Protein backbone atom coordinates (compact mmCIF):
# COMPACT_ATOMS: atom_id res chain seq x y z
CA MET A 1 32.84 -24.52 -18.31
CA THR A 2 29.99 -22.31 -19.51
CA GLN A 3 29.78 -18.99 -17.69
CA LYS A 4 26.77 -18.58 -15.43
CA ARG A 5 24.16 -16.25 -16.91
CA GLN A 6 22.40 -13.53 -14.92
CA ILE A 7 18.87 -12.98 -16.17
CA ILE A 8 15.91 -10.84 -15.14
CA VAL A 9 12.63 -12.26 -16.40
CA THR A 10 9.23 -10.58 -16.37
CA ASN A 11 5.72 -11.41 -17.47
CA ALA A 12 3.18 -8.80 -18.55
CA LEU A 13 1.70 -7.44 -15.34
CA PRO A 14 -1.84 -8.66 -14.63
CA TYR A 15 -4.31 -5.81 -14.33
CA ALA A 16 -5.53 -5.33 -10.76
CA ASN A 17 -9.21 -5.16 -11.59
CA ALA A 18 -10.34 -8.79 -11.97
CA PRO A 19 -9.34 -12.38 -11.14
CA LEU A 20 -6.93 -14.29 -13.36
CA HIS A 21 -8.29 -16.64 -16.02
CA LEU A 22 -6.78 -19.49 -18.04
CA GLY A 23 -5.68 -17.09 -20.77
CA HIS A 24 -3.47 -15.33 -18.24
CA MET A 25 -2.08 -18.64 -17.06
CA LEU A 26 -0.67 -19.45 -20.51
CA GLU A 27 1.82 -16.61 -20.21
CA TYR A 28 2.73 -17.19 -16.59
CA THR A 29 3.19 -20.91 -17.24
CA GLN A 30 5.36 -20.22 -20.29
CA THR A 31 7.47 -17.78 -18.30
CA ASP A 32 7.78 -20.08 -15.30
CA ILE A 33 8.84 -23.10 -17.36
CA TRP A 34 11.63 -21.07 -18.94
CA VAL A 35 12.69 -19.66 -15.56
CA ARG A 36 12.73 -23.09 -13.88
CA PHE A 37 14.81 -24.46 -16.75
CA GLN A 38 17.36 -21.64 -16.38
CA ARG A 39 17.64 -22.32 -12.66
CA MET A 40 18.17 -26.03 -13.35
CA ARG A 41 21.04 -25.01 -15.63
CA LYS A 42 22.48 -23.13 -12.61
CA ASN A 43 21.92 -19.69 -14.10
CA ASP A 44 20.95 -16.81 -11.82
CA CYS A 45 17.41 -16.14 -12.96
CA TYR A 46 15.29 -13.52 -11.18
CA TYR A 47 11.59 -13.65 -11.98
CA MET A 48 9.77 -10.37 -11.31
CA SER A 49 6.06 -9.70 -11.51
CA ALA A 50 3.54 -7.27 -10.06
CA ASP A 51 -0.01 -6.09 -10.33
CA ASP A 52 -0.62 -3.31 -12.84
CA ALA A 53 -2.56 -1.22 -10.37
CA HIS A 54 -3.47 2.14 -11.94
CA GLY A 55 -6.00 3.57 -14.36
CA THR A 56 -9.60 4.64 -14.80
CA PRO A 57 -11.11 1.10 -14.75
CA ILE A 58 -9.74 0.49 -11.25
CA MET A 59 -10.99 3.87 -10.06
CA LEU A 60 -14.49 3.22 -11.40
CA THR A 61 -14.72 -0.36 -10.09
CA ALA A 62 -13.65 0.76 -6.62
CA SER A 63 -16.24 3.53 -6.71
CA GLN A 64 -18.96 1.05 -7.71
CA LYS A 65 -17.97 -1.17 -4.77
CA GLY A 66 -17.92 1.76 -2.36
CA ILE A 67 -14.26 1.24 -1.42
CA SER A 68 -11.04 3.12 -2.12
CA PRO A 69 -8.90 2.16 -5.13
CA GLU A 70 -6.18 1.14 -2.68
CA GLU A 71 -8.50 -1.31 -0.92
CA HIS A 72 -9.63 -2.69 -4.26
CA ILE A 73 -6.13 -3.33 -5.63
CA ASP A 74 -5.00 -4.87 -2.34
CA LYS A 75 -7.80 -7.46 -2.52
CA ILE A 76 -7.11 -8.23 -6.17
CA ARG A 77 -3.38 -8.56 -5.52
CA GLU A 78 -4.09 -11.07 -2.76
CA SER A 79 -6.11 -13.24 -5.16
CA HIS A 80 -3.52 -12.92 -7.94
CA GLU A 81 -0.70 -13.96 -5.62
CA ALA A 82 -2.71 -16.96 -4.42
CA ASP A 83 -3.30 -18.07 -8.02
CA PHE A 84 0.40 -17.66 -8.86
CA LYS A 85 1.35 -19.74 -5.82
CA ASP A 86 -1.17 -22.51 -6.47
CA PHE A 87 -0.27 -22.71 -10.18
CA LEU A 88 3.36 -23.17 -9.03
CA ILE A 89 4.57 -19.95 -10.66
CA SER A 90 7.97 -19.48 -9.02
CA VAL A 91 8.10 -15.69 -9.05
CA ASP A 92 10.86 -14.20 -6.86
CA ASN A 93 8.99 -10.98 -6.14
CA TYR A 94 5.33 -10.24 -6.76
CA TYR A 95 4.89 -6.51 -6.23
CA THR A 96 2.57 -3.71 -7.31
CA THR A 97 2.96 -0.68 -9.57
CA HIS A 98 1.26 1.38 -6.84
CA SER A 99 4.47 1.54 -4.84
CA PRO A 100 6.91 4.19 -3.59
CA GLU A 101 9.69 2.64 -5.69
CA ASN A 102 7.62 2.90 -8.85
CA GLN A 103 6.52 6.45 -8.14
CA LYS A 104 10.12 7.59 -7.59
CA LEU A 105 11.33 5.82 -10.75
CA CYS A 106 8.50 7.29 -12.84
CA GLU A 107 9.26 10.79 -11.62
CA ASP A 108 13.02 10.40 -12.12
CA ILE A 109 12.66 8.92 -15.61
CA PHE A 110 10.18 11.64 -16.59
CA GLN A 111 12.64 14.34 -15.51
CA ILE A 112 15.44 12.71 -17.54
CA LEU A 113 13.22 12.48 -20.62
CA LYS A 114 12.33 16.13 -20.11
CA ARG A 115 15.99 17.18 -19.81
CA ASN A 116 16.75 15.25 -22.99
CA LYS A 117 14.01 17.26 -24.75
CA HIS A 118 11.93 14.15 -25.41
CA ILE A 119 8.90 15.53 -23.54
CA GLU A 120 6.68 18.20 -25.02
CA GLU A 121 3.59 19.95 -23.67
CA ARG A 122 0.69 20.34 -26.09
CA GLU A 123 -2.90 21.48 -26.00
CA ILE A 124 -5.08 18.66 -27.27
CA SER A 125 -8.73 18.13 -27.99
CA GLN A 126 -9.99 15.33 -25.79
CA ALA A 127 -13.17 13.32 -25.47
CA PHE A 128 -15.31 14.37 -22.51
CA ASP A 129 -18.43 12.65 -21.17
CA GLN A 130 -20.78 15.44 -20.11
CA GLN A 131 -23.15 13.06 -18.36
CA GLU A 132 -20.41 11.45 -16.24
CA ASN A 133 -18.42 14.71 -16.00
CA LEU A 134 -15.01 13.23 -16.78
CA PHE A 135 -12.49 12.96 -19.57
CA LEU A 136 -12.78 9.56 -21.16
CA ALA A 137 -9.82 7.21 -21.03
CA ASP A 138 -9.10 5.36 -24.27
CA ARG A 139 -10.86 2.19 -23.16
CA TYR A 140 -14.05 4.08 -22.35
CA ILE A 141 -14.65 5.14 -25.92
CA LYS A 142 -15.66 2.80 -28.71
CA GLY A 143 -16.18 3.42 -32.38
CA THR A 144 -15.00 2.53 -35.86
CA CYS A 145 -11.25 2.17 -36.46
CA PRO A 146 -10.02 5.02 -38.70
CA ASN A 147 -7.47 2.68 -40.29
CA CYS A 148 -9.32 -0.52 -41.22
CA LEU A 149 -12.93 0.55 -40.46
CA ALA A 150 -13.47 -2.32 -38.02
CA GLU A 151 -16.41 -1.49 -35.76
CA ASN A 152 -16.63 -1.57 -31.96
CA GLN A 153 -12.94 -0.75 -31.38
CA TYR A 154 -11.45 0.98 -28.35
CA GLY A 155 -10.12 4.51 -28.34
CA ASP A 156 -6.41 3.70 -28.21
CA ASN A 157 -5.77 0.81 -30.57
CA CYS A 158 -7.60 -1.50 -32.94
CA GLU A 159 -7.76 -5.17 -32.03
CA ALA A 160 -8.49 -6.03 -35.66
CA CYS A 161 -5.52 -4.39 -37.42
CA GLY A 162 -3.25 -3.36 -34.51
CA ALA A 163 -3.26 0.34 -35.42
CA THR A 164 -2.80 2.92 -32.66
CA TYR A 165 -4.52 6.29 -32.76
CA LYS A 166 -6.03 9.09 -30.70
CA PRO A 167 -9.56 8.63 -29.29
CA THR A 168 -10.68 11.65 -31.28
CA ASP A 169 -9.67 9.82 -34.48
CA LEU A 170 -12.40 7.19 -33.97
CA ILE A 171 -15.34 7.29 -36.35
CA ASN A 172 -18.75 7.58 -34.61
CA PRO A 173 -17.34 7.46 -31.05
CA ILE A 174 -19.60 6.53 -28.12
CA SER A 175 -18.91 6.69 -24.37
CA VAL A 176 -18.91 3.20 -22.88
CA LEU A 177 -19.98 4.67 -19.53
CA SER A 178 -23.09 6.58 -20.57
CA GLY A 179 -23.77 5.57 -24.17
CA THR A 180 -23.70 9.22 -25.17
CA LYS A 181 -21.56 10.82 -27.83
CA PRO A 182 -18.60 12.52 -26.15
CA VAL A 183 -17.82 16.17 -26.78
CA GLU A 184 -14.34 17.54 -27.35
CA ARG A 185 -12.58 19.72 -24.78
CA GLU A 186 -9.15 21.28 -24.79
CA SER A 187 -6.57 20.12 -22.24
CA LYS A 188 -2.82 20.38 -21.76
CA HIS A 189 -1.05 17.03 -22.11
CA TYR A 190 2.52 15.72 -22.03
CA PHE A 191 3.88 13.85 -25.04
CA PHE A 192 6.90 11.60 -25.37
CA LYS A 193 8.56 12.25 -28.74
CA LEU A 194 8.39 8.69 -29.98
CA SER A 195 8.62 9.87 -33.59
CA GLU A 196 12.30 10.69 -33.03
CA PHE A 197 13.16 7.05 -32.28
CA ASN A 198 12.32 5.44 -35.63
CA ASP A 199 15.94 4.89 -36.69
CA PHE A 200 16.96 3.63 -33.25
CA LEU A 201 14.08 1.14 -33.22
CA LYS A 202 14.84 -0.17 -36.71
CA ASP A 203 18.41 -0.86 -35.66
CA TRP A 204 17.42 -2.38 -32.32
CA LEU A 205 14.82 -4.68 -33.87
CA SER A 206 17.43 -6.01 -36.30
CA LYS A 207 19.33 -7.53 -33.36
CA ASP A 208 17.14 -10.60 -32.84
CA VAL A 209 15.21 -9.18 -29.88
CA VAL A 210 11.93 -10.54 -31.29
CA THR A 211 11.09 -13.29 -33.76
CA GLU A 212 11.15 -12.50 -37.46
CA SER A 213 7.36 -12.40 -37.83
CA ILE A 214 6.99 -9.98 -34.91
CA ALA A 215 9.84 -7.82 -36.25
CA ASN A 216 8.11 -7.66 -39.63
CA LYS A 217 4.91 -6.41 -37.99
CA LEU A 218 6.77 -3.80 -35.96
CA ASN A 219 8.70 -2.64 -39.02
CA GLU A 220 5.40 -2.10 -40.83
CA TRP A 221 4.48 0.42 -38.15
CA LEU A 222 7.93 1.99 -38.36
CA GLU A 223 7.61 2.37 -42.12
CA GLU A 224 4.33 4.21 -41.60
CA GLY A 225 6.10 6.49 -39.12
CA LEU A 226 5.45 6.61 -35.39
CA THR A 227 3.41 9.36 -33.79
CA ASP A 228 4.34 10.95 -30.49
CA TRP A 229 2.90 9.27 -27.41
CA ASP A 230 0.53 10.95 -24.97
CA ILE A 231 1.82 9.94 -21.52
CA SER A 232 -0.61 11.99 -19.40
CA ARG A 233 -4.21 11.74 -18.25
CA ASP A 234 -6.54 14.27 -16.62
CA GLU A 235 -8.20 13.94 -13.25
CA PRO A 236 -10.13 12.10 -11.97
CA TYR A 237 -7.61 9.29 -12.34
CA PHE A 238 -5.99 6.70 -10.10
CA GLY A 239 -2.23 6.82 -10.56
CA PHE A 240 0.82 9.01 -9.96
CA LEU A 241 0.66 12.78 -10.32
CA ILE A 242 3.09 14.23 -12.85
CA PRO A 243 5.72 16.33 -11.04
CA GLY A 244 4.64 19.98 -10.87
CA GLU A 245 1.01 19.18 -11.69
CA ASP A 246 -2.11 19.00 -9.50
CA THR A 247 -4.57 17.53 -11.99
CA LYS A 248 -2.40 15.58 -14.48
CA TYR A 249 -1.38 11.96 -14.01
CA PHE A 250 1.03 9.59 -15.71
CA TYR A 251 -0.76 7.33 -18.19
CA VAL A 252 -0.86 3.77 -16.88
CA TRP A 253 1.20 2.51 -19.83
CA LEU A 254 4.07 4.75 -18.76
CA ASP A 255 4.22 3.52 -15.18
CA ALA A 256 3.31 -0.15 -15.82
CA PRO A 257 6.54 -1.24 -17.56
CA ILE A 258 8.57 0.88 -15.16
CA GLY A 259 6.94 -1.44 -12.62
CA TYR A 260 9.31 -4.17 -13.84
CA ILE A 261 12.22 -2.05 -12.65
CA ALA A 262 10.41 -1.13 -9.43
CA ALA A 263 9.73 -4.79 -8.59
CA PHE A 264 13.43 -5.53 -8.98
CA LYS A 265 14.35 -2.42 -6.98
CA ASN A 266 12.12 -3.64 -4.18
CA TYR A 267 13.69 -7.10 -4.45
CA CYS A 268 17.15 -5.56 -4.13
CA ASN A 269 16.04 -3.79 -0.95
CA HIS A 270 15.84 -7.14 0.85
CA SER A 271 18.56 -9.03 -1.03
CA LYS A 272 22.25 -8.46 -1.67
CA LEU A 273 21.88 -7.69 -5.38
CA ASP A 274 23.33 -4.53 -6.90
CA PHE A 275 20.44 -2.75 -8.62
CA ASN A 276 22.63 -0.62 -10.88
CA TYR A 277 24.61 -3.64 -12.06
CA PHE A 278 21.42 -5.13 -13.49
CA TRP A 279 19.73 -1.99 -14.79
CA GLY A 280 22.65 0.24 -15.81
CA LYS A 281 22.93 1.25 -19.46
CA ASP A 282 25.80 -1.16 -20.20
CA SER A 283 24.72 -3.99 -17.89
CA PRO A 284 26.19 -7.38 -18.90
CA THR A 285 23.05 -9.11 -17.59
CA GLU A 286 20.07 -10.25 -19.66
CA LEU A 287 16.47 -8.99 -19.58
CA TYR A 288 13.63 -11.13 -20.96
CA HIS A 289 10.03 -9.91 -21.26
CA PHE A 290 7.26 -12.48 -21.83
CA ILE A 291 4.14 -10.83 -23.27
CA GLY A 292 1.04 -11.40 -25.40
CA LYS A 293 0.91 -10.33 -29.02
CA ASP A 294 -1.68 -7.64 -28.25
CA ILE A 295 0.85 -5.43 -26.42
CA ILE A 296 3.92 -5.63 -28.66
CA ASN A 297 3.64 -1.95 -29.57
CA PHE A 298 4.02 -0.91 -25.92
CA HIS A 299 6.89 -3.30 -25.20
CA ALA A 300 8.83 -3.19 -28.46
CA LEU A 301 8.32 0.45 -29.50
CA PHE A 302 7.34 2.72 -26.61
CA TRP A 303 9.25 0.95 -23.82
CA PRO A 304 12.70 0.60 -25.47
CA SER A 305 12.52 4.20 -26.74
CA MET A 306 11.81 5.45 -23.23
CA LEU A 307 14.64 3.33 -21.82
CA LYS A 308 17.01 4.61 -24.51
CA SER A 309 16.26 8.23 -23.67
CA ALA A 310 16.55 7.59 -19.93
CA GLY A 311 19.93 5.84 -20.25
CA ILE A 312 18.62 2.53 -18.90
CA ARG A 313 19.52 -0.92 -20.24
CA LEU A 314 17.39 -2.36 -23.03
CA PRO A 315 15.59 -5.73 -23.15
CA THR A 316 17.61 -8.68 -24.46
CA LYS A 317 14.54 -10.46 -25.83
CA ILE A 318 10.81 -9.91 -25.98
CA CYS A 319 9.08 -13.30 -26.10
CA VAL A 320 5.62 -13.06 -27.63
CA HIS A 321 2.82 -15.62 -27.38
CA GLY A 322 -0.67 -15.87 -28.86
CA PHE A 323 -4.10 -16.06 -27.27
CA VAL A 324 -5.91 -18.99 -25.67
CA THR A 325 -9.13 -20.35 -27.12
CA ILE A 326 -11.29 -22.98 -25.47
CA ASN A 327 -12.64 -25.74 -27.70
CA GLY A 328 -11.70 -23.67 -30.73
CA LEU A 329 -13.54 -20.51 -29.69
CA LYS A 330 -12.71 -17.34 -27.80
CA MET A 331 -13.34 -17.70 -24.06
CA SER A 332 -16.93 -16.72 -23.41
CA LYS A 333 -19.10 -16.31 -20.33
CA SER A 334 -22.23 -17.01 -22.37
CA ARG A 335 -20.77 -20.35 -23.54
CA GLY A 336 -19.52 -21.18 -20.06
CA THR A 337 -15.89 -21.30 -21.18
CA PHE A 338 -14.62 -18.18 -19.42
CA ILE A 339 -12.67 -20.23 -16.91
CA LEU A 340 -10.95 -18.50 -14.02
CA ALA A 341 -7.67 -19.81 -12.66
CA ARG A 342 -9.45 -20.61 -9.40
CA ASP A 343 -12.21 -22.57 -11.21
CA TYR A 344 -9.45 -24.79 -12.56
CA LEU A 345 -7.44 -25.05 -9.34
CA ASP A 346 -10.48 -26.09 -7.31
CA ASN A 347 -10.93 -29.14 -9.54
CA LEU A 348 -7.68 -30.14 -11.27
CA ASP A 349 -3.94 -30.51 -10.72
CA PRO A 350 -1.99 -27.42 -11.91
CA ASP A 351 0.66 -29.71 -13.42
CA PHE A 352 -1.91 -30.96 -15.92
CA LEU A 353 -2.56 -27.55 -17.49
CA ARG A 354 1.13 -26.67 -17.32
CA TYR A 355 1.93 -29.84 -19.27
CA TYR A 356 -0.86 -29.33 -21.80
CA TYR A 357 0.18 -25.75 -22.46
CA ALA A 358 3.82 -26.84 -22.80
CA CYS A 359 2.80 -29.46 -25.38
CA LYS A 360 1.39 -26.67 -27.54
CA LEU A 361 3.81 -23.80 -26.88
CA SER A 362 6.45 -22.76 -29.39
CA ASN A 363 8.36 -19.50 -29.75
CA SER A 364 5.78 -18.20 -32.23
CA ALA A 365 2.79 -15.97 -31.49
CA GLU A 366 0.24 -18.46 -32.80
CA ASP A 367 -2.94 -18.89 -30.79
CA LEU A 368 -3.27 -21.99 -28.62
CA ASP A 369 -6.46 -24.00 -28.24
CA LEU A 370 -7.35 -25.67 -24.97
CA ASN A 371 -9.56 -28.47 -26.26
CA LEU A 372 -10.97 -30.03 -23.12
CA GLU A 373 -11.51 -33.48 -24.64
CA ASP A 374 -7.96 -33.52 -26.00
CA PHE A 375 -6.70 -32.19 -22.65
CA VAL A 376 -8.19 -35.15 -20.77
CA GLN A 377 -6.91 -37.65 -23.32
CA LYS A 378 -3.39 -36.20 -23.38
CA ILE A 379 -2.93 -36.06 -19.62
CA ASN A 380 -4.34 -39.54 -19.07
CA SER A 381 -2.28 -40.98 -21.92
CA ASP A 382 1.04 -39.17 -21.49
CA LEU A 383 1.47 -38.45 -17.80
CA VAL A 384 -0.61 -41.22 -16.23
CA GLY A 385 -0.50 -44.00 -18.80
CA LYS A 386 3.08 -43.60 -19.98
CA VAL A 387 5.30 -41.57 -17.64
CA VAL A 388 4.12 -42.56 -14.17
CA ASN A 389 3.15 -46.06 -15.28
CA LEU A 390 6.79 -46.68 -16.21
CA ALA A 391 7.82 -46.27 -12.57
CA SER A 392 4.83 -48.22 -11.33
CA ARG A 393 5.52 -51.30 -13.46
CA CYS A 394 9.22 -51.44 -12.49
CA SER A 395 9.31 -50.44 -8.83
CA LYS A 396 7.72 -53.47 -7.18
CA PHE A 397 10.39 -55.82 -8.51
CA ILE A 398 13.06 -53.66 -6.86
CA THR A 399 11.39 -52.93 -3.53
CA LYS A 400 10.29 -56.54 -3.08
CA GLY A 401 13.13 -58.31 -4.84
CA ASN A 402 16.15 -56.32 -3.65
CA ASP A 403 15.00 -54.36 -0.60
CA GLY A 404 14.61 -51.23 -2.75
CA TYR A 405 18.20 -51.13 -4.03
CA LEU A 406 18.88 -50.53 -7.71
CA HIS A 407 21.37 -52.74 -9.52
CA SER A 408 25.05 -51.77 -9.58
CA GLU A 409 25.21 -51.81 -13.40
CA ILE A 410 23.22 -50.50 -16.34
CA ASP A 411 21.58 -53.32 -18.30
CA ASP A 412 21.50 -51.64 -21.73
CA LYS A 413 24.14 -48.93 -22.01
CA GLU A 414 23.15 -48.06 -25.56
CA LEU A 415 19.59 -47.31 -24.48
CA TRP A 416 20.83 -45.36 -21.46
CA ASN A 417 23.07 -43.25 -23.69
CA ILE A 418 20.17 -42.41 -26.01
CA PHE A 419 18.25 -41.04 -23.02
CA SER A 420 21.20 -39.29 -21.42
CA GLN A 421 22.38 -37.65 -24.63
CA SER A 422 18.88 -36.36 -25.34
CA ALA A 423 19.54 -33.75 -22.64
CA THR A 424 21.29 -31.61 -25.27
CA THR A 425 18.35 -31.47 -27.69
CA ILE A 426 15.77 -31.03 -24.93
CA SER A 427 17.88 -28.28 -23.39
CA GLU A 428 18.05 -26.42 -26.70
CA ASN A 429 14.29 -26.63 -27.07
CA TYR A 430 13.73 -25.27 -23.58
CA GLU A 431 16.18 -22.44 -24.17
CA ASN A 432 14.50 -21.47 -27.46
CA ARG A 433 11.03 -21.73 -25.85
CA ASN A 434 10.07 -24.58 -28.17
CA PHE A 435 8.38 -26.42 -25.33
CA SER A 436 6.21 -28.48 -27.68
CA LYS A 437 9.34 -29.95 -29.26
CA ALA A 438 10.79 -30.66 -25.81
CA THR A 439 7.66 -32.53 -24.70
CA ARG A 440 7.51 -34.52 -27.95
CA GLU A 441 11.10 -35.63 -27.40
CA ILE A 442 10.35 -36.54 -23.77
CA ILE A 443 7.29 -38.62 -24.68
CA LYS A 444 9.22 -40.29 -27.50
CA LEU A 445 11.77 -41.38 -24.90
CA THR A 446 8.99 -42.50 -22.56
CA ASP A 447 7.55 -44.70 -25.32
CA LEU A 448 11.01 -46.15 -25.90
CA ALA A 449 11.39 -46.97 -22.20
CA ASN A 450 7.99 -48.63 -22.02
CA GLU A 451 8.75 -50.65 -25.16
CA TYR A 452 11.96 -51.86 -23.50
CA ILE A 453 10.06 -53.03 -20.41
CA SER A 454 7.30 -54.63 -22.51
CA ASP A 455 9.85 -56.48 -24.64
CA LYS A 456 11.78 -57.76 -21.62
CA GLN A 457 8.61 -58.76 -19.70
CA PRO A 458 10.10 -58.77 -16.17
CA TRP A 459 6.76 -59.98 -14.74
CA VAL A 460 7.16 -63.18 -16.76
CA LEU A 461 10.85 -63.61 -15.97
CA ASN A 462 10.19 -63.05 -12.28
CA LYS A 463 8.20 -66.28 -12.07
CA GLU A 464 11.46 -68.22 -12.39
CA HIS A 465 13.82 -67.96 -9.42
CA ASP A 466 16.93 -68.06 -11.62
CA ASN A 467 15.88 -64.83 -13.35
CA LYS A 468 15.89 -62.56 -10.27
CA GLU A 469 19.19 -60.94 -11.24
CA GLN A 470 18.01 -60.26 -14.78
CA VAL A 471 14.70 -58.82 -13.54
CA LEU A 472 16.59 -56.50 -11.20
CA ARG A 473 18.83 -55.27 -14.04
CA ILE A 474 15.85 -54.64 -16.35
CA CYS A 475 13.76 -52.81 -13.77
CA SER A 476 16.71 -50.82 -12.44
CA LEU A 477 17.25 -49.49 -15.94
CA GLY A 478 13.52 -48.78 -16.20
CA ILE A 479 13.68 -46.71 -13.01
CA ASN A 480 16.77 -44.90 -14.28
CA LEU A 481 15.00 -44.05 -17.53
CA PHE A 482 12.01 -42.80 -15.51
CA ARG A 483 14.44 -40.65 -13.52
CA LEU A 484 15.77 -39.04 -16.70
CA ILE A 485 12.23 -38.36 -17.90
CA MET A 486 11.50 -36.67 -14.58
CA ILE A 487 14.62 -34.52 -14.90
CA TYR A 488 13.50 -33.38 -18.33
CA LEU A 489 9.94 -32.70 -17.13
CA LYS A 490 10.95 -30.84 -13.98
CA PRO A 491 10.49 -27.30 -15.41
CA ILE A 492 6.98 -28.22 -16.56
CA THR A 493 5.49 -30.47 -13.84
CA PRO A 494 7.06 -29.48 -10.50
CA ASN A 495 4.40 -31.19 -8.37
CA LEU A 496 4.81 -34.52 -10.13
CA VAL A 497 8.59 -34.30 -10.04
CA ARG A 498 8.57 -33.48 -6.32
CA LYS A 499 6.71 -36.76 -5.73
CA ALA A 500 9.12 -38.58 -8.04
CA GLU A 501 12.07 -37.15 -6.11
CA ASP A 502 10.59 -38.52 -2.90
CA PHE A 503 10.14 -41.94 -4.53
CA LEU A 504 13.65 -41.90 -6.02
CA ASN A 505 15.11 -40.60 -2.77
CA GLU A 506 17.06 -37.97 -4.70
CA THR A 507 16.86 -34.30 -5.68
CA LEU A 508 16.87 -34.20 -9.48
CA LEU A 509 19.32 -31.82 -11.12
CA TRP A 510 19.84 -31.25 -14.82
CA ASP A 511 23.43 -32.45 -14.57
CA SER A 512 22.17 -35.69 -13.00
CA SER A 513 21.24 -36.81 -16.52
CA ALA A 514 24.92 -37.53 -17.16
CA HIS A 515 25.10 -40.47 -14.75
CA PRO A 516 22.74 -43.25 -13.60
CA LEU A 517 21.67 -44.18 -10.09
CA LEU A 518 23.50 -47.36 -9.07
CA ASN A 519 23.33 -49.25 -5.77
CA HIS A 520 20.82 -46.61 -4.69
CA LYS A 521 17.83 -47.29 -2.47
CA ILE A 522 14.43 -46.07 -3.67
CA LYS A 523 11.22 -45.92 -1.66
CA LYS A 524 8.07 -47.94 -2.10
CA PHE A 525 6.08 -46.64 -5.05
CA GLU A 526 2.99 -44.60 -4.17
CA PRO A 527 0.51 -43.29 -6.76
CA MET A 528 1.73 -39.88 -7.95
CA ILE A 529 -1.20 -38.64 -10.03
CA SER A 530 -4.72 -39.78 -10.87
CA ARG A 531 -6.51 -39.92 -14.18
CA ILE A 532 -8.74 -36.99 -15.05
CA GLN A 533 -12.39 -37.99 -14.93
CA ASN A 534 -15.14 -36.30 -16.92
CA GLU A 535 -16.59 -35.26 -13.57
CA ASN A 536 -13.53 -33.08 -12.95
CA ILE A 537 -14.09 -31.18 -16.19
CA GLU A 538 -17.82 -30.84 -15.54
CA ALA A 539 -17.16 -29.49 -12.05
CA MET A 540 -14.72 -26.91 -13.43
CA LEU A 541 -17.21 -25.76 -16.07
CA ASN A 542 -19.96 -25.61 -13.46
CA SER A 543 -17.73 -23.37 -11.35
CA ALA A 544 -17.16 -21.14 -14.37
CA ASN A 545 -20.91 -20.96 -15.03
CA ASP A 546 -21.67 -20.20 -11.37
CA GLY A 547 -19.34 -17.20 -11.63
CA LYS A 548 -21.04 -15.69 -14.70
CA ALA A 549 -21.71 -11.99 -14.35
């Protein structure tokens, strides 16, 4: 028997300054599908998330609204949690980085890094906005990238080439807040000696923690040589004060990933889990981070180096995805395609987007296009026209013809075995995050089941009284094949499968795929999902347009 795995899973923490949009939901859906699959395989899988609740943007937005940063992040967290819940994201603990657990962990880790001589104080020249009277955070300076010369890039990293740099390295910098050219002022800052971890990172990245293409990109940066990392920010700032300082704060990218640990620490406070067992240096458990390709430097370079110095366990895998486009283009408010999670939820079933994303998700970091016309066609064809229709066309012959009881034998054992044995391939695809391959296999099986029913034509056979037994055998197999399809879809479409479980009068487990339902009473079939109408899409887009800034 395979030993039960113990896995902590995280997604990149949503920033507590705005509502979630459909780009966010790609990652949370991907994470949730993998988590639900692991739980179906009876592994202990703990899904942690939280709001990333610090930084200058939050401070400034709260000020503009005339409320405290704490009030602002509390309201945003409430909306984020509601979106997670309604999109069926089965997180075990949704916390916040603005927490006592996170503050204590940040302070403790900082002191360990300091003792290990991986922290250094330096005087630096920093961008200062004289009009706004504050030091400018990286994201409040724009200019030309010093590496690739791409224009309109932020002060910390280039979205065009991925390079990281100091804000003062930007060519022709401008303050985003005032439009003025910032001046340089001296300030004492704390640096983490990332440059000392090159060899460690090269070795760690060789251990299959990321895909080959991501490892190649990271190794390019390692070959260039890493620079030390500024982990402090000057007041005014919303975050945690650095121990021993009155005006210096931890940079948000130091405390945000520590928020993964803090969320689990908080979870342990009201569960029976041993925190040190999961987060100790030599923990036998697994740690999976699901992130977007724009933050691989933080998660695969800065974060593991900090953990290594602090004597904390390292990630097992970092799973990287691409960006979402809508109808082939970047999401845009001006084009009316900047769609919030709530715009979608107010008009469409969350299972539909979960399924569509799954059909396009692999373990690569390629971008994914949400083509709305294709979305409608795929849901109506696959889920409504093929999957649910299979149950619909078989059920009435069982509920009317045999009081709802399935036959005591399988009509076509060879066909049943094809479906049952597909559990292995589908399981491998789920495990490797090749969800598109899993869904293709599932729909291929669905087509096979529908072909079987079409070939046997139980509606024709049923017209002759002598064929009642044969009709029952055919349709009982059809229902059993539908049941297997529902088992395989359960990580992706939990709402649909919950309705199928009610119809089948059974809780569907992964291991259930090994044996059919025989002499089992099912309920009367009720419609499980409805076709998407063009009006649903138009209403969603109208909601998105109504919310334009």
